[in-house]
Amino acid sequence: MSQSNVVRGKAFWKLDESGIRHLYFVLSEPNMDDIVLVVNVTDVLNVPACYDKSCVLDIEEHPAITKKSVAYYYASREFRASEILSELSKKELIPEVDLSTPTLLKIQNGAKISKLLPKKLRKYFENF
């Protein structure tokens, strides 16, 4: 896979139906079906996200984090890697600075211990 097609560690903003931006991080490389695990990051005070402190992120850990935040594993999703890359190139997703290796590992390790990550998404642990 060429460097330009790497998706693990990508960060992006996605607009919801009401136009509110949400920050997402890609935690895995694509599986055989082109699917990756993506986690939302939100304010540490956001309920119900505040109940899962498996991965607390401080502002110095990523430029898009402007206040103490958590990886919101309960709302983790699967995306097609090719669609992420396509939507980033078309600016349908708002690109952000990629994750540093230490921050990516911290979020992956938090996913492994989170009690709120949906069971069907635990299969991604085989890849990280």
N, C-alpha and C. Protein backbone atom coordinates (compact mmCIF):
# COMPACT_ATOMS: atom_id res chain seq x y z
N MET A 1 0.85 -1.18 0.00
CA MET A 1 0.00 0.00 0.00
C MET A 1 0.89 1.23 0.00
N SER A 2 0.66 2.14 -0.90
CA SER A 2 1.49 3.34 -0.97
C SER A 2 1.16 4.28 0.17
N GLN A 3 2.10 5.15 0.49
CA GLN A 3 1.92 6.09 1.61
C GLN A 3 0.66 6.93 1.43
N SER A 4 0.32 7.32 0.19
CA SER A 4 -0.84 8.17 -0.03
C SER A 4 -2.15 7.44 0.23
N ASN A 5 -2.12 6.09 0.24
CA ASN A 5 -3.33 5.32 0.47
C ASN A 5 -3.46 4.80 1.90
N VAL A 6 -2.52 5.15 2.76
CA VAL A 6 -2.59 4.70 4.14
C VAL A 6 -3.74 5.43 4.83
N VAL A 7 -4.58 4.67 5.53
CA VAL A 7 -5.69 5.31 6.23
C VAL A 7 -5.55 5.24 7.75
N ARG A 8 -4.85 4.21 8.27
CA ARG A 8 -4.69 4.12 9.72
C ARG A 8 -3.98 5.39 10.20
N GLY A 9 -4.55 6.02 11.21
CA GLY A 9 -3.98 7.25 11.75
C GLY A 9 -4.53 8.51 11.13
N LYS A 10 -5.37 8.38 10.11
CA LYS A 10 -5.99 9.57 9.50
C LYS A 10 -6.95 10.19 10.50
N ALA A 11 -7.07 11.49 10.41
CA ALA A 11 -8.00 12.25 11.23
C ALA A 11 -8.83 13.13 10.31
N PHE A 12 -10.11 13.25 10.64
CA PHE A 12 -10.98 14.08 9.80
C PHE A 12 -12.20 14.54 10.59
N TRP A 13 -12.79 15.59 10.07
CA TRP A 13 -14.05 16.10 10.61
C TRP A 13 -15.16 15.65 9.68
N LYS A 14 -16.27 15.22 10.25
CA LYS A 14 -17.45 14.82 9.47
C LYS A 14 -18.63 15.62 9.98
N LEU A 15 -19.39 16.19 9.05
CA LEU A 15 -20.57 16.95 9.42
C LEU A 15 -21.74 16.01 9.63
N ASP A 16 -22.50 16.23 10.71
CA ASP A 16 -23.73 15.45 10.87
C ASP A 16 -24.87 16.15 10.13
N GLU A 17 -26.07 15.61 10.22
CA GLU A 17 -27.22 16.15 9.48
C GLU A 17 -27.53 17.60 9.85
N SER A 18 -27.19 17.99 11.07
CA SER A 18 -27.48 19.36 11.51
C SER A 18 -26.33 20.33 11.21
N GLY A 19 -25.25 19.82 10.61
CA GLY A 19 -24.12 20.68 10.24
C GLY A 19 -23.06 20.79 11.32
N ILE A 20 -23.19 20.02 12.40
CA ILE A 20 -22.19 20.04 13.47
C ILE A 20 -21.03 19.13 13.09
N ARG A 21 -19.80 19.63 13.29
CA ARG A 21 -18.60 18.86 12.96
C ARG A 21 -18.24 17.92 14.10
N HIS A 22 -17.84 16.69 13.73
CA HIS A 22 -17.38 15.69 14.69
C HIS A 22 -16.02 15.18 14.25
N LEU A 23 -15.11 15.07 15.20
CA LEU A 23 -13.75 14.63 14.93
C LEU A 23 -13.66 13.10 14.99
N TYR A 24 -13.04 12.50 13.97
CA TYR A 24 -12.87 11.05 13.90
C TYR A 24 -11.41 10.70 13.65
N PHE A 25 -11.00 9.57 14.20
CA PHE A 25 -9.67 9.01 13.98
C PHE A 25 -9.82 7.58 13.46
N VAL A 26 -9.02 7.23 12.45
CA VAL A 26 -9.03 5.87 11.89
C VAL A 26 -8.03 5.03 12.68
N LEU A 27 -8.49 3.92 13.25
CA LEU A 27 -7.65 3.09 14.11
C LEU A 27 -7.03 1.88 13.44
N SER A 28 -7.50 1.52 12.25
CA SER A 28 -7.00 0.29 11.63
C SER A 28 -6.75 0.50 10.14
N GLU A 29 -6.00 -0.43 9.58
CA GLU A 29 -5.87 -0.49 8.13
C GLU A 29 -7.09 -1.26 7.62
N PRO A 30 -7.40 -1.18 6.35
CA PRO A 30 -8.58 -1.87 5.82
C PRO A 30 -8.47 -3.38 5.93
N ASN A 31 -9.61 -4.01 6.22
CA ASN A 31 -9.66 -5.47 6.18
C ASN A 31 -9.88 -5.89 4.71
N MET A 32 -10.13 -7.15 4.48
CA MET A 32 -10.29 -7.65 3.11
C MET A 32 -11.50 -7.04 2.40
N ASP A 33 -12.43 -6.50 3.18
CA ASP A 33 -13.62 -5.88 2.60
C ASP A 33 -13.50 -4.35 2.52
N ASP A 34 -12.27 -3.83 2.73
CA ASP A 34 -12.00 -2.39 2.64
C ASP A 34 -12.62 -1.61 3.81
N ILE A 35 -12.85 -2.27 4.94
CA ILE A 35 -13.49 -1.63 6.09
C ILE A 35 -12.44 -1.32 7.16
N VAL A 36 -12.58 -0.14 7.76
CA VAL A 36 -11.69 0.27 8.86
C VAL A 36 -12.52 0.64 10.08
N LEU A 37 -11.87 0.59 11.24
CA LEU A 37 -12.48 0.99 12.50
C LEU A 37 -12.17 2.46 12.73
N VAL A 38 -13.22 3.23 13.01
CA VAL A 38 -13.10 4.67 13.21
C VAL A 38 -13.74 5.04 14.54
N VAL A 39 -13.07 5.90 15.30
CA VAL A 39 -13.60 6.33 16.59
C VAL A 39 -13.80 7.84 16.60
N ASN A 40 -14.86 8.27 17.23
CA ASN A 40 -15.15 9.67 17.43
C ASN A 40 -14.44 10.15 18.70
N VAL A 41 -13.99 11.37 18.69
CA VAL A 41 -13.37 11.98 19.87
C VAL A 41 -14.25 13.15 20.28
N THR A 42 -14.53 13.24 21.57
CA THR A 42 -15.44 14.26 22.05
C THR A 42 -14.97 14.82 23.39
N ASP A 43 -15.54 15.93 23.75
CA ASP A 43 -15.26 16.60 25.02
C ASP A 43 -15.43 15.62 26.18
N VAL A 44 -14.50 15.64 27.12
CA VAL A 44 -14.54 14.72 28.27
C VAL A 44 -15.82 14.90 29.10
N LEU A 45 -16.46 16.05 29.00
CA LEU A 45 -17.68 16.31 29.76
C LEU A 45 -18.94 15.86 29.04
N ASN A 46 -18.81 15.40 27.80
CA ASN A 46 -19.97 14.97 27.02
C ASN A 46 -20.56 13.70 27.61
N VAL A 47 -21.85 13.72 27.85
CA VAL A 47 -22.54 12.54 28.37
C VAL A 47 -23.19 11.85 27.17
N PRO A 48 -23.07 10.55 26.99
CA PRO A 48 -22.55 9.54 27.88
C PRO A 48 -21.07 9.23 27.70
N ALA A 49 -20.39 9.93 26.80
CA ALA A 49 -18.98 9.63 26.54
C ALA A 49 -18.13 9.75 27.80
N CYS A 50 -18.51 10.62 28.71
CA CYS A 50 -17.72 10.84 29.92
C CYS A 50 -17.64 9.61 30.80
N TYR A 51 -18.51 8.63 30.58
CA TYR A 51 -18.49 7.42 31.41
C TYR A 51 -17.38 6.46 31.03
N ASP A 52 -16.76 6.66 29.89
CA ASP A 52 -15.68 5.78 29.45
C ASP A 52 -14.38 6.57 29.43
N LYS A 53 -13.56 6.33 30.43
CA LYS A 53 -12.28 7.04 30.54
C LYS A 53 -11.12 6.14 30.09
N SER A 54 -11.42 5.18 29.19
CA SER A 54 -10.39 4.26 28.70
C SER A 54 -9.27 5.00 27.97
N CYS A 55 -9.61 6.14 27.37
CA CYS A 55 -8.59 6.93 26.67
C CYS A 55 -8.94 8.41 26.77
N VAL A 56 -8.27 9.09 27.68
CA VAL A 56 -8.43 10.53 27.84
C VAL A 56 -7.29 11.20 27.07
N LEU A 57 -7.65 12.16 26.24
CA LEU A 57 -6.68 12.86 25.40
C LEU A 57 -6.57 14.32 25.82
N ASP A 58 -5.35 14.78 25.97
CA ASP A 58 -5.10 16.16 26.32
C ASP A 58 -4.82 16.98 25.07
N ILE A 59 -4.87 18.29 25.20
CA ILE A 59 -4.76 19.16 24.03
C ILE A 59 -3.43 19.01 23.28
N GLU A 60 -2.37 18.65 23.96
CA GLU A 60 -1.08 18.54 23.26
C GLU A 60 -0.95 17.25 22.46
N GLU A 61 -1.92 16.36 22.54
CA GLU A 61 -1.81 15.07 21.85
C GLU A 61 -2.27 15.11 20.39
N HIS A 62 -2.99 16.14 20.01
CA HIS A 62 -3.38 16.32 18.60
C HIS A 62 -3.84 17.76 18.41
N PRO A 63 -3.46 18.39 17.29
CA PRO A 63 -3.82 19.80 17.08
C PRO A 63 -5.33 20.08 17.06
N ALA A 64 -6.16 19.11 16.71
CA ALA A 64 -7.61 19.34 16.66
C ALA A 64 -8.27 19.25 18.03
N ILE A 65 -7.55 18.76 19.01
CA ILE A 65 -8.10 18.64 20.35
C ILE A 65 -7.80 19.93 21.10
N THR A 66 -8.87 20.67 21.41
CA THR A 66 -8.71 21.98 22.03
C THR A 66 -9.10 21.99 23.51
N LYS A 67 -9.58 20.85 23.99
CA LYS A 67 -9.89 20.70 25.42
C LYS A 67 -9.80 19.22 25.75
N LYS A 68 -9.68 18.91 27.03
CA LYS A 68 -9.59 17.51 27.43
C LYS A 68 -10.74 16.73 26.80
N SER A 69 -10.39 15.61 26.17
CA SER A 69 -11.36 14.85 25.39
C SER A 69 -11.22 13.36 25.68
N VAL A 70 -12.19 12.58 25.19
CA VAL A 70 -12.14 11.13 25.31
C VAL A 70 -12.43 10.52 23.94
N ALA A 71 -11.85 9.33 23.75
CA ALA A 71 -12.24 8.53 22.60
C ALA A 71 -13.58 7.91 22.94
N TYR A 72 -14.57 8.18 22.13
CA TYR A 72 -15.94 7.75 22.41
C TYR A 72 -16.18 6.40 21.73
N TYR A 73 -15.67 5.34 22.36
CA TYR A 73 -15.68 4.01 21.76
C TYR A 73 -17.08 3.47 21.51
N TYR A 74 -18.04 3.86 22.33
CA TYR A 74 -19.41 3.40 22.15
C TYR A 74 -19.94 3.78 20.77
N ALA A 75 -19.51 4.93 20.27
CA ALA A 75 -19.98 5.43 18.97
C ALA A 75 -19.01 5.09 17.84
N SER A 76 -18.08 4.15 18.07
CA SER A 76 -17.16 3.74 17.01
C SER A 76 -17.95 3.19 15.83
N ARG A 77 -17.37 3.37 14.64
CA ARG A 77 -18.07 2.96 13.43
C ARG A 77 -17.12 2.30 12.46
N GLU A 78 -17.71 1.62 11.51
CA GLU A 78 -16.95 1.06 10.41
C GLU A 78 -17.20 1.92 9.18
N PHE A 79 -16.12 2.23 8.47
CA PHE A 79 -16.19 3.01 7.24
C PHE A 79 -15.42 2.25 6.16
N ARG A 80 -15.76 2.48 4.93
CA ARG A 80 -14.95 1.97 3.81
C ARG A 80 -13.73 2.88 3.67
N ALA A 81 -12.55 2.29 3.68
CA ALA A 81 -11.31 3.07 3.57
C ALA A 81 -11.28 3.86 2.26
N SER A 82 -11.69 3.23 1.17
CA SER A 82 -11.67 3.91 -0.12
C SER A 82 -12.60 5.12 -0.11
N GLU A 83 -13.72 5.04 0.59
CA GLU A 83 -14.64 6.18 0.66
C GLU A 83 -14.05 7.31 1.50
N ILE A 84 -13.35 6.95 2.58
CA ILE A 84 -12.69 7.99 3.38
C ILE A 84 -11.69 8.74 2.52
N LEU A 85 -10.84 8.01 1.83
CA LEU A 85 -9.83 8.65 0.99
C LEU A 85 -10.46 9.49 -0.12
N SER A 86 -11.50 8.97 -0.73
CA SER A 86 -12.20 9.70 -1.79
C SER A 86 -12.85 10.98 -1.25
N GLU A 87 -13.55 10.85 -0.12
CA GLU A 87 -14.23 12.00 0.46
C GLU A 87 -13.24 13.03 0.98
N LEU A 88 -12.09 12.59 1.46
CA LEU A 88 -11.05 13.54 1.87
C LEU A 88 -10.52 14.30 0.66
N SER A 89 -10.29 13.61 -0.44
CA SER A 89 -9.75 14.28 -1.63
C SER A 89 -10.77 15.25 -2.23
N LYS A 90 -12.06 14.95 -2.08
CA LYS A 90 -13.11 15.83 -2.60
C LYS A 90 -13.55 16.89 -1.57
N LYS A 91 -12.93 16.84 -0.39
CA LYS A 91 -13.25 17.77 0.71
C LYS A 91 -14.67 17.58 1.25
N GLU A 92 -15.25 16.38 1.03
CA GLU A 92 -16.54 16.07 1.64
C GLU A 92 -16.35 15.76 3.12
N LEU A 93 -15.18 15.24 3.46
CA LEU A 93 -14.72 15.14 4.84
C LEU A 93 -13.65 16.21 4.98
N ILE A 94 -13.57 16.81 6.13
CA ILE A 94 -12.60 17.88 6.35
C ILE A 94 -11.33 17.26 6.93
N PRO A 95 -10.23 17.28 6.16
CA PRO A 95 -9.01 16.63 6.64
C PRO A 95 -8.41 17.35 7.84
N GLU A 96 -7.78 16.57 8.68
CA GLU A 96 -7.09 17.08 9.86
C GLU A 96 -5.70 16.45 9.87
N VAL A 97 -4.82 16.95 10.71
CA VAL A 97 -3.48 16.39 10.85
C VAL A 97 -3.58 14.94 11.27
N ASP A 98 -2.81 14.06 10.62
CA ASP A 98 -2.80 12.65 10.99
C ASP A 98 -2.33 12.47 12.42
N LEU A 99 -2.72 11.36 13.02
CA LEU A 99 -2.30 11.04 14.38
C LEU A 99 -0.81 10.71 14.42
N SER A 100 -0.17 11.10 15.50
CA SER A 100 1.20 10.65 15.74
C SER A 100 1.12 9.18 16.15
N THR A 101 2.21 8.46 15.99
CA THR A 101 2.23 7.04 16.37
C THR A 101 1.90 6.85 17.85
N PRO A 102 2.49 7.62 18.78
CA PRO A 102 2.14 7.42 20.19
C PRO A 102 0.66 7.66 20.50
N THR A 103 0.06 8.67 19.87
CA THR A 103 -1.36 8.94 20.12
C THR A 103 -2.23 7.85 19.51
N LEU A 104 -1.89 7.38 18.31
CA LEU A 104 -2.63 6.28 17.70
C LEU A 104 -2.59 5.05 18.61
N LEU A 105 -1.40 4.71 19.11
CA LEU A 105 -1.26 3.54 19.99
C LEU A 105 -2.07 3.73 21.28
N LYS A 106 -2.08 4.92 21.81
CA LYS A 106 -2.84 5.20 23.03
C LYS A 106 -4.34 4.96 22.79
N ILE A 107 -4.85 5.43 21.65
CA ILE A 107 -6.27 5.26 21.34
C ILE A 107 -6.59 3.80 21.06
N GLN A 108 -5.70 3.10 20.35
CA GLN A 108 -5.91 1.67 20.11
C GLN A 108 -5.92 0.89 21.41
N ASN A 109 -4.98 1.19 22.31
CA ASN A 109 -4.92 0.50 23.60
C ASN A 109 -6.17 0.79 24.44
N GLY A 110 -6.68 2.01 24.35
CA GLY A 110 -7.92 2.34 25.04
C GLY A 110 -9.09 1.52 24.51
N ALA A 111 -9.11 1.32 23.21
CA ALA A 111 -10.18 0.51 22.60
C ALA A 111 -10.15 -0.92 23.13
N LYS A 112 -8.96 -1.42 23.34
CA LYS A 112 -8.82 -2.81 23.82
C LYS A 112 -9.39 -3.00 25.22
N ILE A 113 -9.35 -1.95 26.05
CA ILE A 113 -9.83 -2.09 27.43
C ILE A 113 -11.21 -1.49 27.66
N SER A 114 -11.71 -0.74 26.69
CA SER A 114 -13.01 -0.10 26.86
C SER A 114 -14.13 -1.14 26.96
N LYS A 115 -14.98 -0.95 27.93
CA LYS A 115 -16.14 -1.82 28.10
C LYS A 115 -17.29 -1.35 27.20
N LEU A 116 -17.16 -0.16 26.59
CA LEU A 116 -18.24 0.39 25.79
C LEU A 116 -18.06 0.19 24.29
N LEU A 117 -16.90 -0.32 23.85
CA LEU A 117 -16.73 -0.60 22.43
C LEU A 117 -17.67 -1.75 22.06
N PRO A 118 -18.51 -1.56 21.06
CA PRO A 118 -19.43 -2.65 20.68
C PRO A 118 -18.68 -3.96 20.38
N LYS A 119 -19.24 -5.06 20.84
CA LYS A 119 -18.58 -6.37 20.70
C LYS A 119 -18.25 -6.70 19.25
N LYS A 120 -19.12 -6.35 18.32
CA LYS A 120 -18.87 -6.69 16.92
C LYS A 120 -17.64 -5.98 16.36
N LEU A 121 -17.16 -4.93 17.03
CA LEU A 121 -16.00 -4.19 16.54
C LEU A 121 -14.69 -4.67 17.17
N ARG A 122 -14.76 -5.57 18.11
CA ARG A 122 -13.55 -6.08 18.76
C ARG A 122 -12.68 -6.90 17.81
N LYS A 123 -13.23 -7.31 16.68
CA LYS A 123 -12.47 -8.09 15.70
C LYS A 123 -11.26 -7.33 15.18
N TYR A 124 -11.28 -6.02 15.27
CA TYR A 124 -10.17 -5.21 14.78
C TYR A 124 -8.92 -5.36 15.63
N PHE A 125 -9.05 -5.90 16.84
CA PHE A 125 -7.89 -6.09 17.70
C PHE A 125 -6.88 -7.06 17.10
N GLU A 126 -7.32 -7.88 16.18
CA GLU A 126 -6.41 -8.81 15.52
C GLU A 126 -5.38 -8.05 14.69
N ASN A 127 -5.69 -6.80 14.33
CA ASN A 127 -4.82 -6.01 13.45
C ASN A 127 -4.00 -4.95 14.18
N PHE A 128 -4.22 -4.79 15.47
CA PHE A 128 -3.40 -3.83 16.23
C PHE A 128 -3.33 -4.23 17.68
